[in-house]
C-alpha atoms as a PDB file:
ATOM      1  CA  UNK A   1      97.407  14.593 133.934  1.00  0.00           C
ATOM      2  CA  UNK A   2      95.844  12.870 130.883  1.00  0.00           C
ATOM      3  CA  UNK A   3      98.269  10.903 129.112  1.00  0.00           C
ATOM      4  CA  UNK A   4      99.472  10.463 125.308  1.00  0.00           C
ATOM      5  CA  UNK A   5      99.665   7.001 125.425  1.00  0.00           C
ATOM      6  CA  UNK A   6     101.241   6.843 121.826  1.00  0.00           C
ATOM      7  CA  UNK A   7     103.698   9.395 122.656  1.00  0.00           C
ATOM      8  CA  UNK A   8     104.702   7.676 125.987  1.00  0.00           C
ATOM      9  CA  UNK A   9     105.063   4.382 124.258  1.00  0.00           C
ATOM     10  CA  UNK A  10     107.151   5.920 121.752  1.00  0.00           C
ATOM     11  CA  UNK A  11     109.514   7.735 124.371  1.00  0.00           C
ATOM     12  CA  UNK A  12     110.128   3.882 125.249  1.00  0.00           C
ATOM     13  CA  UNK A  13     111.226   2.762 121.801  1.00  0.00           C
ATOM     14  CA  UNK A  14     112.664   6.066 119.741  1.00  0.00           C
ATOM     15  CA  UNK A  15     116.196   5.455 121.575  1.00  0.00           C
ATOM     16  CA  UNK A  16     116.623   2.168 119.397  1.00  0.00           C
ATOM     17  CA  UNK A  17     114.516   4.179 116.936  1.00  0.00           C
ATOM     18  CA  UNK A  18     117.363   6.817 117.511  1.00  0.00           C
ATOM     19  CA  UNK A  19     120.388   4.868 117.019  1.00  0.00           C
ATOM     20  CA  UNK A  20     118.862   3.206 113.750  1.00  0.00           C
ATOM     21  CA  UNK A  21     118.457   6.240 112.080  1.00  0.00           C
ATOM     22  CA  UNK A  22     122.026   7.719 113.060  1.00  0.00           C
ATOM     23  CA  UNK A  23     123.785   4.133 112.729  1.00  0.00           C
ATOM     24  CA  UNK A  24     122.111   4.345 109.259  1.00  0.00           C
ATOM     25  CA  UNK A  25     124.469   7.680 108.913  1.00  0.00           C
ATOM     26  CA  UNK A  26     127.423   7.088 110.775  1.00  0.00           C
ATOM     27  CA  UNK A  27     128.118   3.614 109.763  1.00  0.00           C
ATOM     28  CA  UNK A  28     125.890   2.188 106.540  1.00  0.00           C
ATOM     29  CA  UNK A  29     126.148   5.239 104.489  1.00  0.00           C
ATOM     30  CA  UNK A  30     129.423   7.382 105.871  1.00  0.00           C
ATOM     31  CA  UNK A  31     131.593   4.304 107.024  1.00  0.00           C
ATOM     32  CA  UNK A  32     132.783   5.963 109.734  1.00  0.00           C
ATOM     33  CA  UNK A  33     132.984   3.114 112.054  1.00  0.00           C
ATOM     34  CA  UNK A  34     136.518   3.591 112.504  1.00  0.00           C
ATOM     35  CA  UNK A  35     135.823   7.540 111.148  1.00  0.00           C
ATOM     36  CA  UNK A  36     138.218   9.274 108.835  1.00  0.00           C
ATOM     37  CA  UNK A  37     141.966   9.278 110.736  1.00  0.00           C
ATOM     38  CA  UNK A  38     142.758  12.725 112.587  1.00  0.00           C
ATOM     39  CA  UNK A  39     145.917  12.812 110.887  1.00  0.00           C
ATOM     40  CA  UNK A  40     144.783  12.739 107.208  1.00  0.00           C
ATOM     41  CA  UNK A  41     145.713  15.351 105.215  1.00  0.00           C
ATOM     42  CA  UNK A  42     143.587  17.661 104.001  1.00  0.00           C
ATOM     43  CA  UNK A  43     144.144  16.638 100.522  1.00  0.00           C
ATOM     44  CA  UNK A  44     143.040  13.000 101.282  1.00  0.00           C
ATOM     45  CA  UNK A  45     140.258  14.193 103.337  1.00  0.00           C
ATOM     46  CA  UNK A  46     138.838  15.905 100.272  1.00  0.00           C
ATOM     47  CA  UNK A  47     139.133  13.120  97.957  1.00  0.00           C
ATOM     48  CA  UNK A  48     137.063  11.133 100.641  1.00  0.00           C
ATOM     49  CA  UNK A  49     134.485  13.257 100.209  1.00  0.00           C
ATOM     50  CA  UNK A  50     134.785  13.933  96.602  1.00  0.00           C
ATOM     51  CA  UNK A  51     134.508  10.530  95.982  1.00  0.00           C
ATOM     52  CA  UNK A  52     131.782   9.408  98.145  1.00  0.00           C
ATOM     53  CA  UNK A  53     129.731  12.841  97.760  1.00  0.00           C
ATOM     54  CA  UNK A  54     126.008  11.551  97.549  1.00  0.00           C
ATOM     55  CA  UNK A  55     126.477   8.841 100.308  1.00  0.00           C
ATOM     56  CA  UNK A  56     128.208  11.615 102.767  1.00  0.00           C
ATOM     57  CA  UNK A  57     125.586  14.322 102.118  1.00  0.00           C
ATOM     58  CA  UNK A  58     122.795  11.170 102.786  1.00  0.00           C
ATOM     59  CA  UNK A  59     124.961  10.138 105.763  1.00  0.00           C
ATOM     60  CA  UNK A  60     124.937  13.680 107.088  1.00  0.00           C
ATOM     61  CA  UNK A  61     121.176  14.510 106.330  1.00  0.00           C
ATOM     62  CA  UNK A  62     120.440  11.032 108.297  1.00  0.00           C
ATOM     63  CA  UNK A  63     122.232  12.188 111.122  1.00  0.00           C
ATOM     64  CA  UNK A  64     120.755  15.459 111.376  1.00  0.00           C
ATOM     65  CA  UNK A  65     117.069  13.497 111.355  1.00  0.00           C
ATOM     66  CA  UNK A  66     118.175  11.183 114.380  1.00  0.00           C
ATOM     67  CA  UNK A  67     117.362  13.875 116.144  1.00  0.00           C
ATOM     68  CA  UNK A  68     113.780  14.157 115.829  1.00  0.00           C
ATOM     69  CA  UNK A  69     114.049  10.510 116.285  1.00  0.00           C
ATOM     70  CA  UNK A  70     115.651  11.390 119.866  1.00  0.00           C
ATOM     71  CA  UNK A  71     113.468  13.560 121.045  1.00  0.00           C
ATOM     72  CA  UNK A  72     110.479  11.542 122.135  1.00  0.00           C
ATOM     73  CA  UNK A  73     113.310   9.502 124.518  1.00  0.00           C
ATOM     74  CA  UNK A  74     114.375  12.759 125.855  1.00  0.00           C
ATOM     75  CA  UNK A  75     111.159  13.767 126.569  1.00  0.00           C
ATOM     76  CA  UNK A  76     110.301  10.155 128.668  1.00  0.00           C
ATOM     77  CA  UNK A  77     113.627  10.516 130.305  1.00  0.00           C
ATOM     78  CA  UNK A  78     112.841  14.247 132.132  1.00  0.00           C
ATOM     79  CA  UNK A  79     109.564  13.131 132.697  1.00  0.00           C
ATOM     80  CA  UNK A  80     110.424   9.723 134.691  1.00  0.00           C
ATOM     81  CA  UNK A  81     113.552  12.333 136.755  1.00  0.00           C
ATOM     82  CA  UNK A  82     110.013  14.249 137.903  1.00  0.00           C
ATOM     83  CA  UNK A  83     108.319  10.968 138.859  1.00  0.00           C
ATOM     84  CA  UNK A  84     111.632  10.435 140.978  1.00  0.00           C
ATOM     85  CA  UNK A  85     111.966  13.773 142.470  1.00  0.00           C
ATOM     86  CA  UNK A  86     107.921  14.234 142.608  1.00  0.00           C
ATOM     87  CA  UNK A  87     107.790  17.201 141.063  1.00  0.00           C
ATOM     88  CA  UNK A  88     109.523  19.202 138.437  1.00  0.00           C
ATOM     89  CA  UNK A  89     112.714  20.144 140.810  1.00  0.00           C
ATOM     90  CA  UNK A  90     116.368  21.306 140.211  1.00  0.00           C
ATOM     91  CA  UNK A  91     117.287  17.539 138.582  1.00  0.00           C
ATOM     92  CA  UNK A  92     114.407  17.636 136.349  1.00  0.00           C
ATOM     93  CA  UNK A  93     115.326  21.138 135.025  1.00  0.00           C
ATOM     94  CA  UNK A  94     119.379  20.056 134.735  1.00  0.00           C
ATOM     95  CA  UNK A  95     118.321  17.174 133.041  1.00  0.00           C
ATOM     96  CA  UNK A  96     116.303  18.596 130.246  1.00  0.00           C
ATOM     97  CA  UNK A  97     118.498  21.499 129.953  1.00  0.00           C
ATOM     98  CA  UNK A  98     121.659  18.907 129.352  1.00  0.00           C
ATOM     99  CA  UNK A  99     119.329  16.730 126.720  1.00  0.00           C
ATOM    100  CA  UNK A 100     118.193  19.839 124.775  1.00  0.00           C
ATOM    101  CA  UNK A 101     121.988  20.701 124.387  1.00  0.00           C
ATOM    102  CA  UNK A 102     122.638  16.814 123.356  1.00  0.00           C
ATOM    103  CA  UNK A 103     119.769  17.294 120.386  1.00  0.00           C
ATOM    104  CA  UNK A 104     121.700  20.588 118.990  1.00  0.00           C
ATOM    105  CA  UNK A 105     124.776  18.366 119.451  1.00  0.00           C
ATOM    106  CA  UNK A 106     123.121  15.583 117.315  1.00  0.00           C
ATOM    107  CA  UNK A 107     122.443  17.977 114.470  1.00  0.00           C
ATOM    108  CA  UNK A 108     125.084  20.502 113.888  1.00  0.00           C
ATOM    109  CA  UNK A 109     127.861  17.659 114.075  1.00  0.00           C
ATOM    110  CA  UNK A 110     125.825  16.056 110.848  1.00  0.00           C
ATOM    111  CA  UNK A 111     125.025  19.518 109.672  1.00  0.00           C
ATOM    112  CA  UNK A 112     129.127  19.944 109.680  1.00  0.00           C
ATOM    113  CA  UNK A 113     129.611  16.864 107.795  1.00  0.00           C
ATOM    114  CA  UNK A 114     127.072  18.327 105.238  1.00  0.00           C
ATOM    115  CA  UNK A 115     128.946  21.551 104.676  1.00  0.00           C
ATOM    116  CA  UNK A 116     131.983  19.534 104.068  1.00  0.00           C
ATOM    117  CA  UNK A 117     130.403  17.414 101.365  1.00  0.00           C
ATOM    118  CA  UNK A 118     128.138  19.860  99.864  1.00  0.00           C
ATOM    119  CA  UNK A 119     130.994  21.529  96.937  1.00  0.00           C
ATOM    120  CA  UNK A 120     133.025  18.838  96.107  1.00  0.00           C
ATOM    121  CA  UNK A 121     135.438  21.357  94.315  1.00  0.00           C
ATOM    122  CA  UNK A 122     135.811  23.404  98.061  1.00  0.00           C
ATOM    123  CA  UNK A 123     139.271  23.901  98.776  1.00  0.00           C
ATOM    124  CA  UNK A 124     141.189  20.635 100.386  1.00  0.00           C
ATOM    125  CA  UNK A 125     141.845  22.578 103.718  1.00  0.00           C
ATOM    126  CA  UNK A 126     137.956  23.898 103.875  1.00  0.00           C
ATOM    127  CA  UNK A 127     136.931  20.470 103.487  1.00  0.00           C
ATOM    128  CA  UNK A 128     138.697  19.287 106.483  1.00  0.00           C
ATOM    129  CA  UNK A 129     138.510  22.183 108.729  1.00  0.00           C
ATOM    130  CA  UNK A 130     134.545  21.185 108.062  1.00  0.00           C
ATOM    131  CA  UNK A 131     135.080  17.295 108.911  1.00  0.00           C
ATOM    132  CA  UNK A 132     137.311  18.090 112.174  1.00  0.00           C
ATOM    133  CA  UNK A 133     134.197  20.369 113.275  1.00  0.00           C
ATOM    134  CA  UNK A 134     131.990  17.430 112.937  1.00  0.00           C
ATOM    135  CA  UNK A 135     133.935  14.863 114.409  1.00  0.00           C
ATOM    136  CA  UNK A 136     135.554  17.050 116.936  1.00  0.00           C
ATOM    137  CA  UNK A 137     132.240  18.488 118.126  1.00  0.00           C
ATOM    138  CA  UNK A 138     130.251  15.329 118.284  1.00  0.00           C
ATOM    139  CA  UNK A 139     133.124  13.009 119.966  1.00  0.00           C
ATOM    140  CA  UNK A 140     134.711  16.025 121.889  1.00  0.00           C
ATOM    141  CA  UNK A 141     131.682  17.848 122.802  1.00  0.00           C
ATOM    142  CA  UNK A 142     131.009  15.229 125.674  1.00  0.00           C
ATOM    143  CA  UNK A 143     130.011  17.683 128.666  1.00  0.00           C
ATOM    144  CA  UNK A 144     126.816  18.668 126.479  1.00  0.00           C
ATOM    145  CA  UNK A 145     125.725  15.261 127.462  1.00  0.00           C
ATOM    146  CA  UNK A 146     127.923  13.406 129.718  1.00  0.00           C
ATOM    147  CA  UNK A 147     125.627  15.340 132.482  1.00  0.00           C
ATOM    148  CA  UNK A 148     122.789  13.530 131.666  1.00  0.00           C
ATOM    149  CA  UNK A 149     124.100   9.822 132.612  1.00  0.00           C
ATOM    150  CA  UNK A 150     125.856  11.394 136.171  1.00  0.00           C
ATOM    151  CA  UNK A 151     121.944  12.865 136.534  1.00  0.00           C
ATOM    152  CA  UNK A 152     119.783  10.017 136.031  1.00  0.00           C
ATOM    153  CA  UNK A 153     122.990   8.129 137.929  1.00  0.00           C
ATOM    154  CA  UNK A 154     122.105  10.606 140.970  1.00  0.00           C
ATOM    155  CA  UNK A 155     118.587  10.451 140.282  1.00  0.00           C
ATOM    156  CA  UNK A 156     118.278   6.624 140.692  1.00  0.00           C
ATOM    157  CA  UNK A 157     121.084   6.403 143.507  1.00  0.00           C
ATOM    158  CA  UNK A 158     120.338   9.246 145.721  1.00  0.00           C
ATOM    159  CA  UNK A 159     116.806  10.740 145.336  1.00  0.00           C
ATOM    160  CA  UNK A 160     114.726   8.118 145.042  1.00  0.00           C
ATOM    161  CA  UNK A 161     114.013   6.624 148.172  1.00  0.00           C
ATOM    162  CA  UNK A 162     111.559   4.363 147.627  1.00  0.00           C
ATOM    163  CA  UNK A 163     111.609   0.833 148.544  1.00  0.00           C
ATOM    164  CA  UNK A 164     110.934   0.085 144.995  1.00  0.00           C
ATOM    165  CA  UNK A 165     112.288   2.427 143.169  1.00  0.00           C
ATOM    166  CA  UNK A 166     111.007   4.101 139.632  1.00  0.00           C
ATOM    167  CA  UNK A 167     113.934   2.916 137.410  1.00  0.00           C
ATOM    168  CA  UNK A 168     116.506  -0.263 139.207  1.00  0.00           C
ATOM    169  CA  UNK A 169     119.493   0.866 140.771  1.00  0.00           C
ATOM    170  CA  UNK A 170     121.857  -0.952 138.656  1.00  0.00           C
ATOM    171  CA  UNK A 171     121.125   1.360 136.304  1.00  0.00           C
ATOM    172  CA  UNK A 172     121.957   3.991 138.240  1.00  0.00           C
ATOM    173  CA  UNK A 173     125.498   2.604 138.618  1.00  0.00           C
ATOM    174  CA  UNK A 174     125.501   1.594 134.967  1.00  0.00           C
ATOM    175  CA  UNK A 175     124.989   4.879 133.800  1.00  0.00           C
ATOM    176  CA  UNK A 176     127.700   6.471 136.102  1.00  0.00           C
ATOM    177  CA  UNK A 177     130.266   3.896 134.800  1.00  0.00           C
ATOM    178  CA  UNK A 178     129.320   5.035 131.499  1.00  0.00           C
ATOM    179  CA  UNK A 179     129.887   8.823 132.357  1.00  0.00           C
ATOM    180  CA  UNK A 180     133.259   7.774 134.055  1.00  0.00           C
ATOM    181  CA  UNK A 181     134.229   5.747 131.146  1.00  0.00           C
ATOM    182  CA  UNK A 182     133.295   8.493 128.447  1.00  0.00           C
ATOM    183  CA  UNK A 183     135.042  11.587 130.151  1.00  0.00           C
ATOM    184  CA  UNK A 184     139.022  10.761 128.863  1.00  0.00           C
ATOM    185  CA  UNK A 185     137.007  11.199 125.124  1.00  0.00           C
ATOM    186  CA  UNK A 186     137.793  14.701 125.977  1.00  0.00           C
ATOM    187  CA  UNK A 187     141.270  13.854 125.275  1.00  0.00           C
ATOM    188  CA  UNK A 188     140.551  13.920 121.366  1.00  0.00           C
ATOM    189  CA  UNK A 189     141.335  17.305 121.475  1.00  0.00           C
ATOM    190  CA  UNK A 190     144.965  16.475 122.008  1.00  0.00           C
ATOM    191  CA  UNK A 191     145.644  13.738 119.538  1.00  0.00           C
ATOM    192  CA  UNK A 192     145.843  12.987 116.824  1.00  0.00           C
ATOM    193  CA  UNK A 193     146.854   9.775 116.388  1.00  0.00           C
ATOM    194  CA  UNK A 194     146.833   6.645 118.833  1.00  0.00           C
ATOM    195  CA  UNK A 195     144.585   5.589 121.742  1.00  0.00           C
ATOM    196  CA  UNK A 196     143.496   8.814 122.452  1.00  0.00           C
ATOM    197  CA  UNK A 197     142.656  10.528 119.120  1.00  0.00           C
ATOM    198  CA  UNK A 198     139.393  10.688 117.508  1.00  0.00           C
ATOM    199  CA  UNK A 199     139.510   7.127 115.891  1.00  0.00           C
ATOM    200  CA  UNK A 200     141.466   5.262 118.813  1.00  0.00           C
ATOM    201  CA  UNK A 201     140.275   2.706 121.476  1.00  0.00           C
ATOM    202  CA  UNK A 202     139.746   5.361 124.204  1.00  0.00           C
ATOM    203  CA  UNK A 203     138.801   8.144 121.941  1.00  0.00           C
ATOM    204  CA  UNK A 204     136.113   6.114 119.470  1.00  0.00           C
ATOM    205  CA  UNK A 205     135.996   2.754 120.445  1.00  0.00           C
ATOM    206  CA  UNK A 206     134.803   2.501 124.204  1.00  0.00           C
ATOM    207  CA  UNK A 207     132.795   5.266 123.828  1.00  0.00           C
ATOM    208  CA  UNK A 208     130.947   3.667 120.812  1.00  0.00           C
ATOM    209  CA  UNK A 209     130.577   0.356 122.261  1.00  0.00           C
ATOM    210  CA  UNK A 210     128.957   2.258 125.125  1.00  0.00           C
ATOM    211  CA  UNK A 211     126.843   4.863 123.313  1.00  0.00           C
ATOM    212  CA  UNK A 212     125.294   1.792 120.957  1.00  0.00           C
ATOM    213  CA  UNK A 213     125.209  -0.349 124.250  1.00  0.00           C
ATOM    214  CA  UNK A 214     122.613   2.398 126.125  1.00  0.00           C
ATOM    215  CA  UNK A 215     120.648   2.812 123.323  1.00  0.00           C
ATOM    216  CA  UNK A 216     119.944  -0.641 122.549  1.00  0.00           C
ATOM    217  CA  UNK A 217     119.014  -1.370 126.185  1.00  0.00           C
ATOM    218  CA  UNK A 218     116.673   1.699 126.244  1.00  0.00           C
ATOM    219  CA  UNK A 219     113.787  -0.027 125.345  1.00  0.00           C
ATOM    220  CA  UNK A 220     113.923  -2.548 127.787  1.00  0.00           C
ATOM    221  CA  UNK A 221     114.317  -0.269 131.077  1.00  0.00           C
ATOM    222  CA  UNK A 222     112.019   2.255 129.735  1.00  0.00           C
ATOM    223  CA  UNK A 223     109.066   0.296 129.113  1.00  0.00           C
ATOM    224  CA  UNK A 224     108.278  -0.945 132.334  1.00  0.00           C
ATOM    225  CA  UNK A 225     108.400   2.106 133.578  1.00  0.00           C
ATOM    226  CA  UNK A 226     106.087   3.608 131.006  1.00  0.00           C
ATOM    227  CA  UNK A 227     103.483   0.497 131.744  1.00  0.00           C
ATOM    228  CA  UNK A 228     104.154   0.539 135.643  1.00  0.00           C
ATOM    229  CA  UNK A 229     103.964   4.573 136.146  1.00  0.00           C
ATOM    230  CA  UNK A 230     102.363   6.342 133.250  1.00  0.00           C
ATOM    231  CA  UNK A 231      99.737   3.412 131.778  1.00  0.00           C
ATOM    232  CA  UNK A 232      98.779   2.092 134.826  1.00  0.00           C
END
């Protein structure tokens, strides 16, 4: 197979690009670090969107556009799992479907915030509804991407029997721990205050640190794989 060297290198670096574009929207423009309190009433949420209408709309657009930056790294992860499987087997297909759902989730989370910000004169209850939809979708929708870490861990620790594995074993253990530590985030659906809420320690801060760490580390893990196995 003739490999596209540019796209492979882009795949190795695009996790960082995704983090930068997403972070520009989420952190720099929207100041969702921490997010709007889930316990805030409809009037307070609507006022936030009215006061920061333009920046929140720009933030939502950045979050949606970040989906494009995540495409190459997603494709590369699927290729790496296929390499480990020595063909496109069940694990590869499951990885592809899981990452596709993550891309959809990422886009529509931004779309929800854009809906909340679009009409500054909208009824506060409707603004709050769209805001809730965005946060619950991205933070509570973890089943749509949690399996990516589980599948990568399985590929590294179970499927890859090579003496010199495609990915280091520690990558498998790290992904497994990320999945385990992310799982309690599902509790955001049951709490609007405290550590399990979408702005709490378990509902937001721990997953946020893991999310940032994963994408920050991705070029340093993926570039050696691309050099050794795809560009050699």
